[in-house]
PDB file of N, CA and C in Angstrom:
ATOM      1  N   UNK A   1      58.360  97.438  70.680  1.00  0.00           N
ATOM      2  CA  UNK A   1      58.824  98.801  70.683  1.00  0.00           C
ATOM      3  C   UNK A   1      60.791  98.434  69.575  1.00  0.00           C
ATOM      4  N   UNK A   2      60.862  98.418  68.745  1.00  0.00           N
ATOM      5  CA  UNK A   2      62.706  98.201  68.257  1.00  0.00           C
ATOM      6  C   UNK A   2      63.320  99.112  68.138  1.00  0.00           C
ATOM      7  N   UNK A   3      64.326  98.752  68.548  1.00  0.00           N
ATOM      8  CA  UNK A   3      65.830  99.364  69.358  1.00  0.00           C
ATOM      9  C   UNK A   3      65.806 100.843  68.111  1.00  0.00           C
ATOM     10  N   UNK A   4      65.590 100.392  66.593  1.00  0.00           N
ATOM     11  CA  UNK A   4      65.809 101.524  66.240  1.00  0.00           C
ATOM     12  C   UNK A   4      64.875 102.770  66.160  1.00  0.00           C
ATOM     13  N   UNK A   5      63.939 102.627  66.822  1.00  0.00           N
ATOM     14  CA  UNK A   5      62.577 103.624  67.435  1.00  0.00           C
ATOM     15  C   UNK A   5      63.304 104.645  67.868  1.00  0.00           C
ATOM     16  N   UNK A   6      64.048 104.231  69.105  1.00  0.00           N
ATOM     17  CA  UNK A   6      64.462 104.899  69.845  1.00  0.00           C
ATOM     18  C   UNK A   6      65.290 105.748  69.487  1.00  0.00           C
ATOM     19  N   UNK A   7      66.736 105.208  68.131  1.00  0.00           N
ATOM     20  CA  UNK A   7      67.427 105.790  67.589  1.00  0.00           C
ATOM     21  C   UNK A   7      67.019 106.897  67.045  1.00  0.00           C
ATOM     22  N   UNK A   8      67.563 107.674  66.442  1.00  0.00           N
ATOM     23  CA  UNK A   8      67.677 109.610  66.139  1.00  0.00           C
ATOM     24  C   UNK A   8      68.408 109.424  64.939  1.00  0.00           C
ATOM     25  N   UNK A   9      68.157 109.983  64.123  1.00  0.00           N
ATOM     26  CA  UNK A   9      67.738 109.825  62.275  1.00  0.00           C
ATOM     27  C   UNK A   9      68.643 111.595  61.952  1.00  0.00           C
ATOM     28  N   UNK A  10      68.805 111.631  61.189  1.00  0.00           N
ATOM     29  CA  UNK A  10      69.270 112.780  60.447  1.00  0.00           C
ATOM     30  C   UNK A  10      68.683 112.576  58.644  1.00  0.00           C
ATOM     31  N   UNK A  11      67.417 113.776  57.647  1.00  0.00           N
ATOM     32  CA  UNK A  11      67.009 113.348  57.157  1.00  0.00           C
ATOM     33  C   UNK A  11      67.703 114.608  55.705  1.00  0.00           C
ATOM     34  N   UNK A  12      68.812 114.303  54.987  1.00  0.00           N
ATOM     35  CA  UNK A  12      69.384 114.840  53.961  1.00  0.00           C
ATOM     36  C   UNK A  12      68.305 115.861  53.304  1.00  0.00           C
ATOM     37  N   UNK A  13      67.286 115.281  52.838  1.00  0.00           N
ATOM     38  CA  UNK A  13      66.655 116.052  52.241  1.00  0.00           C
ATOM     39  C   UNK A  13      66.376 117.245  52.753  1.00  0.00           C
ATOM     40  N   UNK A  14      65.494 117.206  53.896  1.00  0.00           N
ATOM     41  CA  UNK A  14      64.621 118.391  55.055  1.00  0.00           C
ATOM     42  C   UNK A  14      65.843 118.768  55.551  1.00  0.00           C
ATOM     43  N   UNK A  15      67.148 118.140  56.398  1.00  0.00           N
ATOM     44  CA  UNK A  15      67.552 118.789  57.631  1.00  0.00           C
ATOM     45  C   UNK A  15      67.316 118.860  58.833  1.00  0.00           C
ATOM     46  N   UNK A  16      66.035 118.193  58.984  1.00  0.00           N
ATOM     47  CA  UNK A  16      65.552 117.851  60.194  1.00  0.00           C
ATOM     48  C   UNK A  16      66.035 116.071  60.864  1.00  0.00           C
ATOM     49  N   UNK A  17      65.869 116.169  62.155  1.00  0.00           N
ATOM     50  CA  UNK A  17      66.510 115.364  62.664  1.00  0.00           C
ATOM     51  C   UNK A  17      64.932 114.765  63.468  1.00  0.00           C
ATOM     52  N   UNK A  18      64.781 113.356  63.288  1.00  0.00           N
ATOM     53  CA  UNK A  18      63.743 112.510  64.207  1.00  0.00           C
ATOM     54  C   UNK A  18      64.042 111.284  64.982  1.00  0.00           C
ATOM     55  N   UNK A  19      63.435 110.881  65.565  1.00  0.00           N
ATOM     56  CA  UNK A  19      63.194 109.678  65.969  1.00  0.00           C
ATOM     57  C   UNK A  19      62.897 108.916  65.847  1.00  0.00           C
ATOM     58  N   UNK A  20      63.326 107.478  65.454  1.00  0.00           N
ATOM     59  CA  UNK A  20      62.517 106.531  64.851  1.00  0.00           C
ATOM     60  C   UNK A  20      63.128 107.005  62.936  1.00  0.00           C
ATOM     61  N   UNK A  21      62.601 105.919  62.185  1.00  0.00           N
ATOM     62  CA  UNK A  21      63.270 105.793  60.787  1.00  0.00           C
ATOM     63  C   UNK A  21      61.465 106.304  60.468  1.00  0.00           C
ATOM     64  N   UNK A  22      62.138 107.853  60.122  1.00  0.00           N
ATOM     65  CA  UNK A  22      60.480 108.594  59.571  1.00  0.00           C
ATOM     66  C   UNK A  22      60.492 108.906  57.966  1.00  0.00           C
ATOM     67  N   UNK A  23      61.729 108.467  57.251  1.00  0.00           N
ATOM     68  CA  UNK A  23      62.346 108.974  55.836  1.00  0.00           C
ATOM     69  C   UNK A  23      62.856 107.686  55.585  1.00  0.00           C
ATOM     70  N   UNK A  24      62.718 107.520  54.439  1.00  0.00           N
ATOM     71  CA  UNK A  24      63.012 106.414  53.183  1.00  0.00           C
ATOM     72  C   UNK A  24      64.623 106.080  53.852  1.00  0.00           C
ATOM     73  N   UNK A  25      65.173 105.154  53.639  1.00  0.00           N
ATOM     74  CA  UNK A  25      66.484 105.033  53.582  1.00  0.00           C
ATOM     75  C   UNK A  25      67.989 105.989  52.511  1.00  0.00           C
ATOM     76  N   UNK A  26      66.864 106.430  51.496  1.00  0.00           N
ATOM     77  CA  UNK A  26      67.489 107.287  50.799  1.00  0.00           C
ATOM     78  C   UNK A  26      68.426 108.093  50.814  1.00  0.00           C
ATOM     79  N   UNK A  27      67.664 109.182  52.119  1.00  0.00           N
ATOM     80  CA  UNK A  27      68.296 110.419  52.611  1.00  0.00           C
ATOM     81  C   UNK A  27      68.355 110.376  54.276  1.00  0.00           C
ATOM     82  N   UNK A  28      68.592 108.870  54.562  1.00  0.00           N
ATOM     83  CA  UNK A  28      68.384 108.772  56.428  1.00  0.00           C
ATOM     84  C   UNK A  28      69.844 108.458  56.343  1.00  0.00           C
ATOM     85  N   UNK A  29      70.117 109.345  57.604  1.00  0.00           N
ATOM     86  CA  UNK A  29      71.605 109.246  58.068  1.00  0.00           C
ATOM     87  C   UNK A  29      71.201 108.560  59.374  1.00  0.00           C
ATOM     88  N   UNK A  30      72.198 107.795  59.556  1.00  0.00           N
ATOM     89  CA  UNK A  30      71.809 107.224  61.755  1.00  0.00           C
ATOM     90  C   UNK A  30      72.090 105.594  61.306  1.00  0.00           C
ATOM     91  N   UNK A  31      71.961 105.421  62.331  1.00  0.00           N
ATOM     92  CA  UNK A  31      70.854 106.059  63.789  1.00  0.00           C
ATOM     93  C   UNK A  31      72.124 105.979  64.389  1.00  0.00           C
ATOM     94  N   UNK A  32      71.636 107.577  65.453  1.00  0.00           N
ATOM     95  CA  UNK A  32      72.682 108.015  66.443  1.00  0.00           C
ATOM     96  C   UNK A  32      71.919 107.719  67.771  1.00  0.00           C
ATOM     97  N   UNK A  33      72.843 107.706  68.632  1.00  0.00           N
ATOM     98  CA  UNK A  33      72.182 107.236  69.876  1.00  0.00           C
ATOM     99  C   UNK A  33      71.977 108.683  70.503  1.00  0.00           C
ATOM    100  N   UNK A  34      72.206 109.852  70.290  1.00  0.00           N
ATOM    101  CA  UNK A  34      71.474 111.343  70.806  1.00  0.00           C
ATOM    102  C   UNK A  34      70.611 112.060  69.317  1.00  0.00           C
ATOM    103  N   UNK A  35      70.149 113.276  70.086  1.00  0.00           N
ATOM    104  CA  UNK A  35      69.479 113.781  68.892  1.00  0.00           C
ATOM    105  C   UNK A  35      70.938 114.542  68.843  1.00  0.00           C
ATOM    106  N   UNK A  36      71.708 115.081  69.538  1.00  0.00           N
ATOM    107  CA  UNK A  36      72.661 115.955  69.513  1.00  0.00           C
ATOM    108  C   UNK A  36      73.278 115.657  68.508  1.00  0.00           C
ATOM    109  N   UNK A  37      73.733 114.217  68.335  1.00  0.00           N
ATOM    110  CA  UNK A  37      74.642 113.446  67.612  1.00  0.00           C
ATOM    111  C   UNK A  37      74.005 113.596  65.996  1.00  0.00           C
ATOM    112  N   UNK A  38      72.580 113.506  66.176  1.00  0.00           N
ATOM    113  CA  UNK A  38      72.021 113.454  64.559  1.00  0.00           C
ATOM    114  C   UNK A  38      72.246 114.918  64.115  1.00  0.00           C
ATOM    115  N   UNK A  39      71.955 115.586  64.612  1.00  0.00           N
ATOM    116  CA  UNK A  39      71.706 117.253  64.466  1.00  0.00           C
ATOM    117  C   UNK A  39      73.411 117.392  64.126  1.00  0.00           C
ATOM    118  N   UNK A  40      74.375 117.103  64.458  1.00  0.00           N
ATOM    119  CA  UNK A  40      75.792 117.309  63.974  1.00  0.00           C
ATOM    120  C   UNK A  40      75.775 116.066  62.985  1.00  0.00           C
ATOM    121  N   UNK A  41      75.318 115.552  62.337  1.00  0.00           N
ATOM    122  CA  UNK A  41      75.617 114.315  61.681  1.00  0.00           C
ATOM    123  C   UNK A  41      76.709 114.946  60.434  1.00  0.00           C
ATOM    124  N   UNK A  42      76.334 115.751  59.698  1.00  0.00           N
ATOM    125  CA  UNK A  42      76.713 116.648  58.861  1.00  0.00           C
ATOM    126  C   UNK A  42      78.306 117.387  59.071  1.00  0.00           C
ATOM    127  N   UNK A  43      78.577 117.326  59.982  1.00  0.00           N
ATOM    128  CA  UNK A  43      79.723 118.239  60.214  1.00  0.00           C
ATOM    129  C   UNK A  43      80.522 116.850  60.546  1.00  0.00           C
ATOM    130  N   UNK A  44      80.332 116.045  61.383  1.00  0.00           N
ATOM    131  CA  UNK A  44      81.189 114.560  61.762  1.00  0.00           C
ATOM    132  C   UNK A  44      81.430 114.298  59.988  1.00  0.00           C
ATOM    133  N   UNK A  45      80.716 114.079  59.204  1.00  0.00           N
ATOM    134  CA  UNK A  45      80.986 113.767  58.140  1.00  0.00           C
ATOM    135  C   UNK A  45      82.161 114.333  57.343  1.00  0.00           C
ATOM    136  N   UNK A  46      81.562 115.623  57.551  1.00  0.00           N
ATOM    137  CA  UNK A  46      82.546 116.779  56.786  1.00  0.00           C
ATOM    138  C   UNK A  46      83.895 116.638  57.314  1.00  0.00           C
ATOM    139  N   UNK A  47      84.001 116.801  58.303  1.00  0.00           N
ATOM    140  CA  UNK A  47      85.129 115.901  59.276  1.00  0.00           C
ATOM    141  C   UNK A  47      86.277 115.200  58.880  1.00  0.00           C
ATOM    142  N   UNK A  48      85.210 113.937  59.061  1.00  0.00           N
ATOM    143  CA  UNK A  48      85.939 112.754  58.502  1.00  0.00           C
ATOM    144  C   UNK A  48      86.526 112.764  56.727  1.00  0.00           C
ATOM    145  N   UNK A  49      85.261 113.049  55.647  1.00  0.00           N
ATOM    146  CA  UNK A  49      85.799 113.447  54.341  1.00  0.00           C
ATOM    147  C   UNK A  49      87.277 114.755  54.490  1.00  0.00           C
ATOM    148  N   UNK A  50      87.117 115.419  54.946  1.00  0.00           N
ATOM    149  CA  UNK A  50      88.434 115.685  55.329  1.00  0.00           C
ATOM    150  C   UNK A  50      90.121 115.512  55.578  1.00  0.00           C
ATOM    151  N   UNK A  51      88.887 114.967  56.253  1.00  0.00           N
ATOM    152  CA  UNK A  51      90.832 113.835  57.116  1.00  0.00           C
ATOM    153  C   UNK A  51      91.208 112.791  55.922  1.00  0.00           C
ATOM    154  N   UNK A  52      89.854 111.874  55.189  1.00  0.00           N
ATOM    155  CA  UNK A  52      89.972 110.634  54.042  1.00  0.00           C
ATOM    156  C   UNK A  52      90.653 111.728  52.972  1.00  0.00           C
ATOM    157  N   UNK A  53      90.898 112.340  52.763  1.00  0.00           N
ATOM    158  CA  UNK A  53      91.615 113.785  51.095  1.00  0.00           C
ATOM    159  C   UNK A  53      92.639 113.858  52.114  1.00  0.00           C
ATOM    160  N   UNK A  54      93.009 114.048  52.877  1.00  0.00           N
ATOM    161  CA  UNK A  54      94.261 114.426  53.180  1.00  0.00           C
ATOM    162  C   UNK A  54      95.034 113.303  53.325  1.00  0.00           C
ATOM    163  N   UNK A  55      94.780 112.229  53.844  1.00  0.00           N
ATOM    164  CA  UNK A  55      95.119 110.430  53.715  1.00  0.00           C
ATOM    165  C   UNK A  55      94.998 110.321  52.154  1.00  0.00           C
ATOM    166  N   UNK A  56      94.553 110.745  51.102  1.00  0.00           N
ATOM    167  CA  UNK A  56      95.003 110.163  50.123  1.00  0.00           C
ATOM    168  C   UNK A  56      95.554 110.939  49.052  1.00  0.00           C
ATOM    169  N   UNK A  57      95.626 112.108  49.772  1.00  0.00           N
ATOM    170  CA  UNK A  57      96.712 112.966  49.208  1.00  0.00           C
ATOM    171  C   UNK A  57      98.421 112.515  49.718  1.00  0.00           C
ATOM    172  N   UNK A  58      98.316 112.769  50.306  1.00  0.00           N
ATOM    173  CA  UNK A  58      99.621 112.142  51.572  1.00  0.00           C
ATOM    174  C   UNK A  58     100.279 110.687  50.233  1.00  0.00           C
ATOM    175  N   UNK A  59      98.618 109.763  50.699  1.00  0.00           N
ATOM    176  CA  UNK A  59      99.324 108.331  49.748  1.00  0.00           C
ATOM    177  C   UNK A  59      99.933 109.042  48.311  1.00  0.00           C
ATOM    178  N   UNK A  60      99.218 109.939  48.186  1.00  0.00           N
ATOM    179  CA  UNK A  60     100.024 109.897  46.151  1.00  0.00           C
ATOM    180  C   UNK A  60     101.248 110.857  45.765  1.00  0.00           C
ATOM    181  N   UNK A  61     101.348 111.166  47.263  1.00  0.00           N
ATOM    182  CA  UNK A  61     102.771 112.254  46.922  1.00  0.00           C
ATOM    183  C   UNK A  61     104.234 110.683  47.159  1.00  0.00           C
TER     184      UNK A  61
END
């Protein structure tokens, strides 16, 4: 069994969290070590994007 088979992934197209690569890479985020990390993937991405946007705005000033 490959290590990625035990990891968790978030599917952008369905919003489902799966263990293992159940979907294609086009809509799959991960791997994550825990189900909880995968479940909160979008929150983490949004927070990082907000920080990056703030950094970009500060650099423009």
